[in-house]
Amino acid sequence: MDKIKLGKTGLMVTASSFGALPVQRVGMDEAKRLLRMAYDGGINYFDTANAYSDSEEKIGEALSDVRHNIIISTKSGASDKATLLKHIELSLRRMKTDYIDILQLHNPATLPDPEDPDSLYGGLLEAQKKGWIRFIGITNHRYQVAHDAVLSGKYDTLQFPFSSISDEKDVALSELARDHDMGFIAMKGLAGGLITDARTTFTFIKQHPWVVPIWGIQRESELQQFLDMEKNPPAYDDEMKRLIARDREELAGNFCHGCGYCQPCPAGIQIQDCARMSLMIRRAPSAGWMTEAMNAEMLKIENCRHCGACMKRCPYGLDTPRLLAENLADYKVFRANFLKEHGTV
């Protein structure tokens, strides 16, 4: 598989790499099988996070014996230095390794003071001196924070949402990172499941050869598709551009990206699913969203307290309560028509 130089780290990572958030949703044996299949298929870069429940442990179980052949990045959402260092020690134990290639600050709302030895950044420097981590990275969903991180020169890598529906501003951010010799790692390559034809975003990202996508993998079929596309890349032709244009038109404007940073909701609403239901029922097989269980989840929207907590945490600045109400109204109509046509689910 082709490799991409990850900025000033000098790390050569595979052009399709493995996002390990979804493996927390499968059992240990299945996760080990998927991770090993990825490695055997040529993938050498695996991205995870301290917060992804047992994802790190699964990487350790599956890949510790080939640790010298792979590159691992993980993340800490700590808000203080002491917790950050504890997270790093825990990640090392979970993944059965004595070093982490890239330790990323996990979506901080602001950049820490790089001059303060007691700040998060000071903790990263301390971990680097101890030999626990090799390089310092940052992930973010906020454009301005990401932009400032690039210009600061303090980070080796940036992980940011990037897909075929990314706009010119996002592309310019990736170019800025490239020009500053900063590795650019693309998360949310399928826009949280809203892009239903992986070929479109695969070919789009290929037009930006400095960008390293980490595909979220949960099923063998998903992994196999990316491995196959690496061997025989789809053409970025007029038809592919038409499909991308259609996605951009349908996903134009403000929509929930499904990042989940708005959670937890005091009313128990699964915001990352419910606030984008109108899109999901039209862009994915709708029957899966018509179940009694999902209907019950959607009806929780009626208990929204309008406390504003989700809006404060949303990195995209969305009016989440309004989105929830609109999605519920649409869902009720769609579900009634679906059941009338198909009967019970």
C-alpha atoms as a PDB file:
ATOM      1  CA  MET A   1       0.000   0.000   0.000  1.00  0.00           C
ATOM      2  CA  ASP A   2       1.195   3.537  -0.726  1.00  0.00           C
ATOM      3  CA  LYS A   3       2.495   5.506   2.243  1.00  0.00           C
ATOM      4  CA  ILE A   4       2.247   9.190   3.161  1.00  0.00           C
ATOM      5  CA  LYS A   5       4.832  11.137   5.158  1.00  0.00           C
ATOM      6  CA  LEU A   6       3.093  12.464   8.242  1.00  0.00           C
ATOM      7  CA  GLY A   7       4.607  15.922   8.240  1.00  0.00           C
ATOM      8  CA  LYS A   8       7.655  16.643  10.379  1.00  0.00           C
ATOM      9  CA  THR A   9       7.208  13.404  12.312  1.00  0.00           C
ATOM     10  CA  GLY A  10       8.802  11.667   9.345  1.00  0.00           C
ATOM     11  CA  LEU A  11       6.496   8.720   9.992  1.00  0.00           C
ATOM     12  CA  MET A  12       5.472   6.920   6.812  1.00  0.00           C
ATOM     13  CA  VAL A  13       1.860   5.831   7.320  1.00  0.00           C
ATOM     14  CA  THR A  14      -0.396   3.900   4.997  1.00  0.00           C
ATOM     15  CA  ALA A  15      -2.597   5.926   2.671  1.00  0.00           C
ATOM     16  CA  SER A  16      -5.633   4.205   4.184  1.00  0.00           C
ATOM     17  CA  SER A  17      -5.289   3.829   7.925  1.00  0.00           C
ATOM     18  CA  PHE A  18      -7.424   2.344  10.696  1.00  0.00           C
ATOM     19  CA  GLY A  19      -9.712   4.372  12.939  1.00  0.00           C
ATOM     20  CA  ALA A  20     -10.336   2.174  15.973  1.00  0.00           C
ATOM     21  CA  LEU A  21     -13.302   3.961  17.552  1.00  0.00           C
ATOM     22  CA  PRO A  22     -15.851   1.476  16.115  1.00  0.00           C
ATOM     23  CA  VAL A  23     -14.067  -1.665  17.364  1.00  0.00           C
ATOM     24  CA  GLN A  24     -15.294  -0.818  20.858  1.00  0.00           C
ATOM     25  CA  ARG A  25     -18.733  -1.909  19.597  1.00  0.00           C
ATOM     26  CA  VAL A  26     -17.676  -5.490  18.795  1.00  0.00           C
ATOM     27  CA  GLY A  27     -16.408  -8.307  20.980  1.00  0.00           C
ATOM     28  CA  MET A  28     -12.745  -8.914  21.710  1.00  0.00           C
ATOM     29  CA  ASP A  29     -12.347 -11.848  19.330  1.00  0.00           C
ATOM     30  CA  GLU A  30     -13.984 -10.000  16.415  1.00  0.00           C
ATOM     31  CA  ALA A  31     -11.974  -6.840  17.120  1.00  0.00           C
ATOM     32  CA  LYS A  32      -8.717  -8.821  17.179  1.00  0.00           C
ATOM     33  CA  ARG A  33      -9.644 -10.479  13.895  1.00  0.00           C
ATOM     34  CA  LEU A  34     -10.408  -7.126  12.224  1.00  0.00           C
ATOM     35  CA  LEU A  35      -7.255  -5.450  13.501  1.00  0.00           C
ATOM     36  CA  ARG A  36      -5.107  -8.360  12.419  1.00  0.00           C
ATOM     37  CA  MET A  37      -6.812  -8.471   9.033  1.00  0.00           C
ATOM     38  CA  ALA A  38      -5.996  -4.786   8.613  1.00  0.00           C
ATOM     39  CA  TYR A  39      -2.355  -5.393   9.511  1.00  0.00           C
ATOM     40  CA  ASP A  40      -2.108  -8.392   7.203  1.00  0.00           C
ATOM     41  CA  GLY A  41      -3.706  -6.268   4.473  1.00  0.00           C
ATOM     42  CA  GLY A  42      -0.868  -3.740   4.689  1.00  0.00           C
ATOM     43  CA  ILE A  43      -2.227  -1.098   7.100  1.00  0.00           C
ATOM     44  CA  ASN A  44       0.453   0.146   9.496  1.00  0.00           C
ATOM     45  CA  TYR A  45      -1.241   3.074  11.280  1.00  0.00           C
ATOM     46  CA  PHE A  46      -3.914   2.652  13.967  1.00  0.00           C
ATOM     47  CA  ASP A  47      -5.659   5.536  15.737  1.00  0.00           C
ATOM     48  CA  THR A  48      -7.571   5.212  19.003  1.00  0.00           C
ATOM     49  CA  ALA A  49      -8.305   7.173  22.202  1.00  0.00           C
ATOM     50  CA  ASN A  50      -8.294   6.756  25.945  1.00  0.00           C
ATOM     51  CA  ALA A  51     -12.034   7.500  25.900  1.00  0.00           C
ATOM     52  CA  TYR A  52     -12.946   4.747  23.394  1.00  0.00           C
ATOM     53  CA  SER A  53     -13.790   2.240  26.164  1.00  0.00           C
ATOM     54  CA  ASP A  54     -11.766  -0.937  25.409  1.00  0.00           C
ATOM     55  CA  SER A  55     -10.412   0.048  21.983  1.00  0.00           C
ATOM     56  CA  GLU A  56      -6.864   0.455  23.284  1.00  0.00           C
ATOM     57  CA  GLU A  57      -6.987  -2.948  25.000  1.00  0.00           C
ATOM     58  CA  LYS A  58      -8.120  -4.567  21.762  1.00  0.00           C
ATOM     59  CA  ILE A  59      -5.197  -3.017  19.893  1.00  0.00           C
ATOM     60  CA  GLY A  60      -2.854  -4.352  22.561  1.00  0.00           C
ATOM     61  CA  GLU A  61      -4.301  -7.846  22.356  1.00  0.00           C
ATOM     62  CA  ALA A  62      -4.267  -7.916  18.552  1.00  0.00           C
ATOM     63  CA  LEU A  63      -1.049  -6.155  17.638  1.00  0.00           C
ATOM     64  CA  SER A  64       1.425  -6.097  20.523  1.00  0.00           C
ATOM     65  CA  ASP A  65       3.507  -8.837  18.918  1.00  0.00           C
ATOM     66  CA  VAL A  66       4.019  -6.685  15.809  1.00  0.00           C
ATOM     67  CA  ARG A  67       4.377  -3.397  17.670  1.00  0.00           C
ATOM     68  CA  HIS A  68       7.695  -2.638  15.975  1.00  0.00           C
ATOM     69  CA  ASN A  69       5.958  -2.696  12.565  1.00  0.00           C
ATOM     70  CA  ILE A  70       3.060  -0.339  13.337  1.00  0.00           C
ATOM     71  CA  ILE A  71       2.383   3.275  14.253  1.00  0.00           C
ATOM     72  CA  ILE A  72      -0.119   4.074  17.003  1.00  0.00           C
ATOM     73  CA  SER A  73      -1.769   7.340  17.925  1.00  0.00           C
ATOM     74  CA  THR A  74      -4.084   7.780  20.859  1.00  0.00           C
ATOM     75  CA  LYS A  75      -5.761  10.702  22.611  1.00  0.00           C
ATOM     76  CA  SER A  76      -6.389  12.161  26.038  1.00  0.00           C
ATOM     77  CA  GLY A  77      -9.254  14.467  26.899  1.00  0.00           C
ATOM     78  CA  ALA A  78      -7.672  15.410  30.223  1.00  0.00           C
ATOM     79  CA  SER A  79      -8.141  18.939  31.500  1.00  0.00           C
ATOM     80  CA  ASP A  80      -5.059  18.969  33.746  1.00  0.00           C
ATOM     81  CA  LYS A  81      -1.467  17.739  33.608  1.00  0.00           C
ATOM     82  CA  ALA A  82      -1.759  15.079  36.304  1.00  0.00           C
ATOM     83  CA  THR A  83      -4.745  13.423  34.632  1.00  0.00           C
ATOM     84  CA  LEU A  84      -3.015  13.580  31.246  1.00  0.00           C
ATOM     85  CA  LEU A  85       0.005  11.696  32.578  1.00  0.00           C
ATOM     86  CA  LYS A  86      -2.271   9.103  34.197  1.00  0.00           C
ATOM     87  CA  HIS A  87      -4.085   8.662  30.883  1.00  0.00           C
ATOM     88  CA  ILE A  88      -0.795   8.097  29.068  1.00  0.00           C
ATOM     89  CA  GLU A  89       0.351   5.500  31.612  1.00  0.00           C
ATOM     90  CA  LEU A  90      -2.999   3.735  31.283  1.00  0.00           C
ATOM     91  CA  SER A  91      -2.794   3.766  27.475  1.00  0.00           C
ATOM     92  CA  LEU A  92       0.692   2.255  27.602  1.00  0.00           C
ATOM     93  CA  ARG A  93      -0.543  -0.598  29.803  1.00  0.00           C
ATOM     94  CA  ARG A  94      -3.666  -1.196  27.750  1.00  0.00           C
ATOM     95  CA  MET A  95      -1.793  -1.370  24.458  1.00  0.00           C
ATOM     96  CA  LYS A  96       1.085  -3.421  25.890  1.00  0.00           C
ATOM     97  CA  THR A  97       3.696  -0.995  24.658  1.00  0.00           C
ATOM     98  CA  ASP A  98       6.375   1.192  26.232  1.00  0.00           C
ATOM     99  CA  TYR A  99       5.847   4.121  23.887  1.00  0.00           C
ATOM    100  CA  ILE A 100       3.080   5.879  21.921  1.00  0.00           C
ATOM    101  CA  ASP A 101       4.008   7.302  18.537  1.00  0.00           C
ATOM    102  CA  ILE A 102       1.585  10.250  18.656  1.00  0.00           C
ATOM    103  CA  LEU A 103      -0.283  11.467  21.732  1.00  0.00           C
ATOM    104  CA  GLN A 104      -3.070  13.863  20.752  1.00  0.00           C
ATOM    105  CA  LEU A 105      -4.989  16.319  22.895  1.00  0.00           C
ATOM    106  CA  HIS A 106      -8.594  15.237  22.344  1.00  0.00           C
ATOM    107  CA  ASN A 107     -10.715  18.123  21.026  1.00  0.00           C
ATOM    108  CA  PRO A 108      -9.763  20.831  23.537  1.00  0.00           C
ATOM    109  CA  ALA A 109     -11.925  23.960  23.485  1.00  0.00           C
ATOM    110  CA  THR A 110      -8.792  26.130  23.704  1.00  0.00           C
ATOM    111  CA  LEU A 111      -5.070  25.579  23.239  1.00  0.00           C
ATOM    112  CA  PRO A 112      -3.059  25.092  26.439  1.00  0.00           C
ATOM    113  CA  ASP A 113      -0.238  27.467  27.320  1.00  0.00           C
ATOM    114  CA  PRO A 114       2.927  25.944  25.838  1.00  0.00           C
ATOM    115  CA  GLU A 115       5.113  28.025  28.168  1.00  0.00           C
ATOM    116  CA  ASP A 116       3.484  26.788  31.383  1.00  0.00           C
ATOM    117  CA  PRO A 117       5.193  23.607  32.639  1.00  0.00           C
ATOM    118  CA  ASP A 118       2.064  22.729  34.622  1.00  0.00           C
ATOM    119  CA  SER A 119      -0.277  22.991  31.628  1.00  0.00           C
ATOM    120  CA  LEU A 120      -1.463  20.151  29.414  1.00  0.00           C
ATOM    121  CA  TYR A 121       1.277  21.056  26.962  1.00  0.00           C
ATOM    122  CA  GLY A 122       3.808  20.921  29.765  1.00  0.00           C
ATOM    123  CA  GLY A 123       2.527  17.430  30.517  1.00  0.00           C
ATOM    124  CA  LEU A 124       3.071  16.402  26.902  1.00  0.00           C
ATOM    125  CA  LEU A 125       6.652  17.676  27.007  1.00  0.00           C
ATOM    126  CA  GLU A 126       7.248  15.778  30.250  1.00  0.00           C
ATOM    127  CA  ALA A 127       5.850  12.584  28.744  1.00  0.00           C
ATOM    128  CA  GLN A 128       8.106  13.107  25.733  1.00  0.00           C
ATOM    129  CA  LYS A 129      11.177  13.457  27.973  1.00  0.00           C
ATOM    130  CA  LYS A 130      10.220  10.228  29.759  1.00  0.00           C
ATOM    131  CA  GLY A 131      10.099   8.456  26.400  1.00  0.00           C
ATOM    132  CA  TRP A 132       6.394   7.659  26.778  1.00  0.00           C
ATOM    133  CA  ILE A 133       5.426   9.527  23.608  1.00  0.00           C
ATOM    134  CA  ARG A 134       7.326  10.391  20.448  1.00  0.00           C
ATOM    135  CA  PHE A 135       5.244  13.190  18.899  1.00  0.00           C
ATOM    136  CA  ILE A 136       2.602  15.687  19.996  1.00  0.00           C
ATOM    137  CA  GLY A 137      -0.688  16.019  18.169  1.00  0.00           C
ATOM    138  CA  ILE A 138      -4.103  17.592  18.557  1.00  0.00           C
ATOM    139  CA  THR A 139      -7.590  16.748  17.347  1.00  0.00           C
ATOM    140  CA  ASN A 140     -10.394  19.238  16.936  1.00  0.00           C
ATOM    141  CA  HIS A 141     -13.796  19.892  15.395  1.00  0.00           C
ATOM    142  CA  ARG A 142     -13.487  23.673  15.842  1.00  0.00           C
ATOM    143  CA  TYR A 143     -11.961  25.356  12.815  1.00  0.00           C
ATOM    144  CA  GLN A 144     -10.423  28.269  14.719  1.00  0.00           C
ATOM    145  CA  VAL A 145      -8.753  26.081  17.340  1.00  0.00           C
ATOM    146  CA  ALA A 146      -7.384  23.830  14.592  1.00  0.00           C
ATOM    147  CA  HIS A 147      -6.159  26.841  12.608  1.00  0.00           C
ATOM    148  CA  ASP A 148      -4.441  28.316  15.668  1.00  0.00           C
ATOM    149  CA  ALA A 149      -2.812  24.965  16.434  1.00  0.00           C
ATOM    150  CA  VAL A 150      -1.256  24.866  12.976  1.00  0.00           C
ATOM    151  CA  LEU A 151       0.102  28.406  13.245  1.00  0.00           C
ATOM    152  CA  SER A 152       1.447  27.818  16.764  1.00  0.00           C
ATOM    153  CA  GLY A 153       4.090  25.423  15.461  1.00  0.00           C
ATOM    154  CA  LYS A 154       3.772  23.443  18.698  1.00  0.00           C
ATOM    155  CA  TYR A 155       2.054  20.351  17.297  1.00  0.00           C
ATOM    156  CA  ASP A 156       3.344  17.669  14.968  1.00  0.00           C
ATOM    157  CA  THR A 157      -0.067  16.522  13.720  1.00  0.00           C
ATOM    158  CA  LEU A 158      -3.625  17.779  13.397  1.00  0.00           C
ATOM    159  CA  GLN A 159      -6.648  15.501  13.208  1.00  0.00           C
ATOM    160  CA  PHE A 160      -9.682  17.243  11.736  1.00  0.00           C
ATOM    161  CA  PRO A 161     -12.947  16.261   9.965  1.00  0.00           C
ATOM    162  CA  PHE A 162     -12.253  15.943   6.235  1.00  0.00           C
ATOM    163  CA  SER A 163     -14.344  14.258   3.564  1.00  0.00           C
ATOM    164  CA  SER A 164     -15.853  14.747   0.123  1.00  0.00           C
ATOM    165  CA  ILE A 165     -18.301  17.293   1.574  1.00  0.00           C
ATOM    166  CA  SER A 166     -15.507  19.409   3.058  1.00  0.00           C
ATOM    167  CA  ASP A 167     -15.594  22.997   1.849  1.00  0.00           C
ATOM    168  CA  GLU A 168     -12.821  25.226   0.515  1.00  0.00           C
ATOM    169  CA  LYS A 169     -12.038  26.453   4.031  1.00  0.00           C
ATOM    170  CA  ASP A 170     -11.366  22.897   5.225  1.00  0.00           C
ATOM    171  CA  VAL A 171      -9.195  22.163   2.194  1.00  0.00           C
ATOM    172  CA  ALA A 172      -7.255  25.377   2.840  1.00  0.00           C
ATOM    173  CA  LEU A 173      -6.694  24.263   6.451  1.00  0.00           C
ATOM    174  CA  SER A 174      -5.212  20.981   5.225  1.00  0.00           C
ATOM    175  CA  GLU A 175      -2.961  22.915   2.851  1.00  0.00           C
ATOM    176  CA  LEU A 176      -1.882  25.230   5.676  1.00  0.00           C
ATOM    177  CA  ALA A 177      -0.915  22.186   7.745  1.00  0.00           C
ATOM    178  CA  ARG A 178       0.995  20.770   4.787  1.00  0.00           C
ATOM    179  CA  ASP A 179       2.828  24.050   4.258  1.00  0.00           C
ATOM    180  CA  HIS A 180       3.834  24.058   7.948  1.00  0.00           C
ATOM    181  CA  ASP A 181       5.075  20.464   7.647  1.00  0.00           C
ATOM    182  CA  MET A 182       2.345  19.312  10.008  1.00  0.00           C
ATOM    183  CA  GLY A 183       0.746  15.923   9.492  1.00  0.00           C
ATOM    184  CA  PHE A 184      -2.934  16.202   8.556  1.00  0.00           C
ATOM    185  CA  ILE A 185      -5.091  13.266   9.686  1.00  0.00           C
ATOM    186  CA  ALA A 186      -8.626  13.081   8.303  1.00  0.00           C
ATOM    187  CA  MET A 187     -11.337  11.892  10.666  1.00  0.00           C
ATOM    188  CA  LYS A 188     -15.044  11.571   9.866  1.00  0.00           C
ATOM    189  CA  GLY A 189     -14.210  10.552   6.300  1.00  0.00           C
ATOM    190  CA  LEU A 190     -17.758   9.270   5.879  1.00  0.00           C
ATOM    191  CA  ALA A 191     -19.272  12.246   7.755  1.00  0.00           C
ATOM    192  CA  GLY A 192     -20.393  10.034  10.601  1.00  0.00           C
ATOM    193  CA  GLY A 193     -22.238   7.662   8.271  1.00  0.00           C
ATOM    194  CA  LEU A 194     -24.020  10.306   6.200  1.00  0.00           C
ATOM    195  CA  ILE A 195     -21.815   9.609   3.173  1.00  0.00           C
ATOM    196  CA  THR A 196     -23.128   6.237   2.057  1.00  0.00           C
ATOM    197  CA  ASP A 197     -20.868   5.638  -0.959  1.00  0.00           C
ATOM    198  CA  ALA A 198     -17.308   5.316   0.331  1.00  0.00           C
ATOM    199  CA  ARG A 199     -15.919   5.594  -3.202  1.00  0.00           C
ATOM    200  CA  THR A 200     -16.796   9.280  -3.347  1.00  0.00           C
ATOM    201  CA  THR A 201     -14.885  10.382  -0.298  1.00  0.00           C
ATOM    202  CA  PHE A 202     -12.045   7.902  -0.990  1.00  0.00           C
ATOM    203  CA  THR A 203     -11.413   9.418  -4.409  1.00  0.00           C
ATOM    204  CA  PHE A 204     -11.818  12.980  -3.136  1.00  0.00           C
ATOM    205  CA  ILE A 205      -9.225  12.502  -0.411  1.00  0.00           C
ATOM    206  CA  LYS A 206      -6.860  10.959  -2.961  1.00  0.00           C
ATOM    207  CA  GLN A 207      -6.817  14.361  -4.695  1.00  0.00           C
ATOM    208  CA  HIS A 208      -5.100  15.701  -1.557  1.00  0.00           C
ATOM    209  CA  PRO A 209      -2.145  13.310  -1.233  1.00  0.00           C
ATOM    210  CA  TRP A 210      -0.799  14.850   1.994  1.00  0.00           C
ATOM    211  CA  VAL A 211      -4.031  13.912   3.845  1.00  0.00           C
ATOM    212  CA  VAL A 212      -4.064  10.647   5.832  1.00  0.00           C
ATOM    213  CA  PRO A 213      -7.589   9.227   6.303  1.00  0.00           C
ATOM    214  CA  ILE A 214      -8.302   7.000   9.287  1.00  0.00           C
ATOM    215  CA  TRP A 215     -11.352   5.000   8.245  1.00  0.00           C
ATOM    216  CA  GLY A 216     -13.619   3.952  11.115  1.00  0.00           C
ATOM    217  CA  ILE A 217     -13.852   0.167  10.765  1.00  0.00           C
ATOM    218  CA  GLN A 218     -16.410  -2.070  12.480  1.00  0.00           C
ATOM    219  CA  ARG A 219     -17.065  -4.794   9.901  1.00  0.00           C
ATOM    220  CA  GLU A 220     -14.926  -6.979   7.676  1.00  0.00           C
ATOM    221  CA  SER A 221     -16.833  -5.784   4.601  1.00  0.00           C
ATOM    222  CA  GLU A 222     -15.899  -2.171   5.377  1.00  0.00           C
ATOM    223  CA  LEU A 223     -12.245  -3.010   5.813  1.00  0.00           C
ATOM    224  CA  GLN A 224     -12.180  -5.113   2.664  1.00  0.00           C
ATOM    225  CA  GLN A 225     -13.688  -2.299   0.622  1.00  0.00           C
ATOM    226  CA  PHE A 226     -10.898   0.106   1.580  1.00  0.00           C
ATOM    227  CA  LEU A 227      -8.211  -2.521   0.996  1.00  0.00           C
ATOM    228  CA  ASP A 228      -9.700  -3.262  -2.423  1.00  0.00           C
ATOM    229  CA  MET A 229      -9.912   0.428  -3.338  1.00  0.00           C
ATOM    230  CA  GLU A 230      -6.244   0.876  -2.428  1.00  0.00           C
ATOM    231  CA  LYS A 231      -5.399  -1.901  -4.908  1.00  0.00           C
ATOM    232  CA  ASN A 232      -7.764  -0.632  -7.611  1.00  0.00           C
ATOM    233  CA  PRO A 233      -8.632   3.019  -6.936  1.00  0.00           C
ATOM    234  CA  PRO A 234     -11.953   4.219  -8.382  1.00  0.00           C
ATOM    235  CA  ALA A 235     -11.643   6.930 -11.007  1.00  0.00           C
ATOM    236  CA  TYR A 236     -12.194  10.544  -9.995  1.00  0.00           C
ATOM    237  CA  ASP A 237     -14.244  11.108 -13.114  1.00  0.00           C
ATOM    238  CA  ASP A 238     -17.294  13.170 -14.026  1.00  0.00           C
ATOM    239  CA  GLU A 239     -19.686  10.595 -12.595  1.00  0.00           C
ATOM    240  CA  MET A 240     -17.839  10.545  -9.267  1.00  0.00           C
ATOM    241  CA  LYS A 241     -17.821  14.332  -9.179  1.00  0.00           C
ATOM    242  CA  ARG A 242     -21.574  14.299  -9.844  1.00  0.00           C
ATOM    243  CA  LEU A 243     -22.144  11.981  -6.880  1.00  0.00           C
ATOM    244  CA  ILE A 244     -20.018  14.222  -4.664  1.00  0.00           C
ATOM    245  CA  ALA A 245     -21.943  17.295  -5.817  1.00  0.00           C
ATOM    246  CA  ARG A 246     -25.206  15.549  -4.955  1.00  0.00           C
ATOM    247  CA  ASP A 247     -23.974  14.760  -1.447  1.00  0.00           C
ATOM    248  CA  ARG A 248     -22.847  18.335  -0.941  1.00  0.00           C
ATOM    249  CA  GLU A 249     -26.227  19.643  -2.038  1.00  0.00           C
ATOM    250  CA  GLU A 250     -28.145  17.271   0.233  1.00  0.00           C
ATOM    251  CA  LEU A 251     -25.867  17.920   3.199  1.00  0.00           C
ATOM    252  CA  ALA A 252     -25.584  21.675   2.719  1.00  0.00           C
ATOM    253  CA  GLY A 253     -26.099  23.939   5.699  1.00  0.00           C
ATOM    254  CA  ASN A 254     -25.962  23.124   9.381  1.00  0.00           C
ATOM    255  CA  PHE A 255     -26.354  19.496  10.309  1.00  0.00           C
ATOM    256  CA  CYS A 256     -25.353  17.292  13.215  1.00  0.00           C
ATOM    257  CA  HIS A 257     -21.994  15.644  12.473  1.00  0.00           C
ATOM    258  CA  GLY A 258     -22.543  12.929  15.076  1.00  0.00           C
ATOM    259  CA  CYS A 259     -19.366  13.701  17.039  1.00  0.00           C
ATOM    260  CA  GLY A 260     -21.142  13.187  20.372  1.00  0.00           C
ATOM    261  CA  TYR A 261     -19.430  16.014  22.242  1.00  0.00           C
ATOM    262  CA  CYS A 262     -22.870  17.383  23.173  1.00  0.00           C
ATOM    263  CA  GLN A 263     -23.444  14.380  25.437  1.00  0.00           C
ATOM    264  CA  PRO A 264     -24.537  13.561  28.066  1.00  0.00           C
ATOM    265  CA  CYS A 265     -28.047  14.946  27.787  1.00  0.00           C
ATOM    266  CA  PRO A 266     -29.858  15.377  31.143  1.00  0.00           C
ATOM    267  CA  ALA A 267     -33.069  14.211  29.456  1.00  0.00           C
ATOM    268  CA  GLY A 268     -31.387  11.055  28.164  1.00  0.00           C
ATOM    269  CA  ILE A 269     -31.678  12.025  24.480  1.00  0.00           C
ATOM    270  CA  GLN A 270     -29.187  10.325  22.149  1.00  0.00           C
ATOM    271  CA  ILE A 271     -28.498  13.603  20.390  1.00  0.00           C
ATOM    272  CA  GLN A 272     -25.888  12.352  17.912  1.00  0.00           C
ATOM    273  CA  ASP A 273     -28.492  10.001  16.403  1.00  0.00           C
ATOM    274  CA  CYS A 274     -31.706  11.926  16.930  1.00  0.00           C
ATOM    275  CA  ALA A 275     -30.495  15.328  15.701  1.00  0.00           C
ATOM    276  CA  ARG A 276     -29.653  13.953  12.254  1.00  0.00           C
ATOM    277  CA  MET A 277     -32.432  11.424  11.856  1.00  0.00           C
ATOM    278  CA  SER A 278     -34.004  13.190   8.862  1.00  0.00           C
ATOM    279  CA  LEU A 279     -30.772  12.662   6.941  1.00  0.00           C
ATOM    280  CA  MET A 280     -30.185   9.117   8.124  1.00  0.00           C
ATOM    281  CA  ILE A 281     -33.595   7.783   7.171  1.00  0.00           C
ATOM    282  CA  ARG A 282     -33.113   9.084   3.642  1.00  0.00           C
ATOM    283  CA  ARG A 283     -29.439   8.250   3.123  1.00  0.00           C
ATOM    284  CA  ALA A 284     -29.257   4.796   4.715  1.00  0.00           C
ATOM    285  CA  PRO A 285     -31.662   1.845   4.688  1.00  0.00           C
ATOM    286  CA  SER A 286     -34.603   3.346   6.555  1.00  0.00           C
ATOM    287  CA  ALA A 287     -36.036   0.157   8.067  1.00  0.00           C
ATOM    288  CA  GLY A 288     -33.345   0.085  10.756  1.00  0.00           C
ATOM    289  CA  TRP A 289     -34.519   3.446  12.046  1.00  0.00           C
ATOM    290  CA  MET A 290     -38.215   2.515  12.145  1.00  0.00           C
ATOM    291  CA  THR A 291     -38.041   0.119  15.097  1.00  0.00           C
ATOM    292  CA  GLU A 292     -39.997   0.571  18.311  1.00  0.00           C
ATOM    293  CA  ALA A 293     -36.729   1.034  20.176  1.00  0.00           C
ATOM    294  CA  MET A 294     -35.627   3.892  17.924  1.00  0.00           C
ATOM    295  CA  ASN A 295     -39.095   5.426  18.050  1.00  0.00           C
ATOM    296  CA  ALA A 296     -38.843   5.457  21.836  1.00  0.00           C
ATOM    297  CA  GLU A 297     -35.459   7.188  21.588  1.00  0.00           C
ATOM    298  CA  MET A 298     -36.862   9.817  19.246  1.00  0.00           C
ATOM    299  CA  LEU A 299     -39.837  10.490  21.517  1.00  0.00           C
ATOM    300  CA  LYS A 300     -37.417  11.407  24.308  1.00  0.00           C
ATOM    301  CA  ILE A 301     -36.954  14.649  22.386  1.00  0.00           C
ATOM    302  CA  GLU A 302     -40.348  15.706  23.780  1.00  0.00           C
ATOM    303  CA  ASN A 303     -38.685  15.752  27.213  1.00  0.00           C
ATOM    304  CA  CYS A 304     -36.009  18.242  26.118  1.00  0.00           C
ATOM    305  CA  ARG A 305     -35.465  20.710  28.990  1.00  0.00           C
ATOM    306  CA  HIS A 306     -33.993  23.424  26.735  1.00  0.00           C
ATOM    307  CA  CYS A 307     -31.185  23.747  29.258  1.00  0.00           C
ATOM    308  CA  GLY A 308     -28.720  24.719  26.540  1.00  0.00           C
ATOM    309  CA  ALA A 309     -25.966  22.365  27.756  1.00  0.00           C
ATOM    310  CA  CYS A 310     -25.719  20.644  24.361  1.00  0.00           C
ATOM    311  CA  MET A 311     -25.457  23.958  22.532  1.00  0.00           C
ATOM    312  CA  LYS A 312     -22.581  25.073  24.752  1.00  0.00           C
ATOM    313  CA  ARG A 313     -20.668  21.860  24.065  1.00  0.00           C
ATOM    314  CA  CYS A 314     -21.359  21.618  20.329  1.00  0.00           C
ATOM    315  CA  PRO A 315     -18.097  22.365  18.453  1.00  0.00           C
ATOM    316  CA  TYR A 316     -20.133  23.401  15.394  1.00  0.00           C
ATOM    317  CA  GLY A 317     -22.258  25.945  17.270  1.00  0.00           C
ATOM    318  CA  LEU A 318     -25.552  24.283  16.313  1.00  0.00           C
ATOM    319  CA  ASP A 319     -28.940  25.152  17.749  1.00  0.00           C
ATOM    320  CA  THR A 320     -29.342  21.558  18.894  1.00  0.00           C
ATOM    321  CA  PRO A 321     -32.804  21.815  20.533  1.00  0.00           C
ATOM    322  CA  ARG A 322     -34.207  23.278  17.309  1.00  0.00           C
ATOM    323  CA  LEU A 323     -32.570  20.533  15.244  1.00  0.00           C
ATOM    324  CA  LEU A 324     -34.002  17.880  17.558  1.00  0.00           C
ATOM    325  CA  ALA A 325     -37.542  19.294  17.313  1.00  0.00           C
ATOM    326  CA  GLU A 326     -37.370  19.508  13.522  1.00  0.00           C
ATOM    327  CA  ASN A 327     -36.025  15.962  13.233  1.00  0.00           C
ATOM    328  CA  LEU A 328     -38.735  14.586  15.517  1.00  0.00           C
ATOM    329  CA  ALA A 329     -41.528  16.226  13.510  1.00  0.00           C
ATOM    330  CA  ASP A 330     -40.098  14.855  10.274  1.00  0.00           C
ATOM    331  CA  TYR A 331     -39.504  11.422  11.776  1.00  0.00           C
ATOM    332  CA  LYS A 332     -43.117  11.093  12.928  1.00  0.00           C
ATOM    333  CA  VAL A 333     -44.426  11.781   9.423  1.00  0.00           C
ATOM    334  CA  PHE A 334     -41.868   9.527   7.757  1.00  0.00           C
ATOM    335  CA  ARG A 335     -42.494   6.675  10.203  1.00  0.00           C
ATOM    336  CA  ALA A 336     -46.274   6.890   9.828  1.00  0.00           C
ATOM    337  CA  ASN A 337     -45.961   6.671   6.054  1.00  0.00           C
ATOM    338  CA  PHE A 338     -43.411   3.858   6.299  1.00  0.00           C
ATOM    339  CA  LEU A 339     -45.616   1.749   8.561  1.00  0.00           C
ATOM    340  CA  LYS A 340     -48.640   2.413   6.374  1.00  0.00           C
ATOM    341  CA  GLU A 341     -46.723   1.137   3.367  1.00  0.00           C
ATOM    342  CA  HIS A 342     -44.728  -1.698   4.925  1.00  0.00           C
ATOM    343  CA  GLY A 343     -46.657  -2.665   8.045  1.00  0.00           C
ATOM    344  CA  THR A 344     -44.837  -3.327  11.300  1.00  0.00           C
ATOM    345  CA  VAL A 345     -41.042  -3.391  11.318  1.00  0.00           C
END
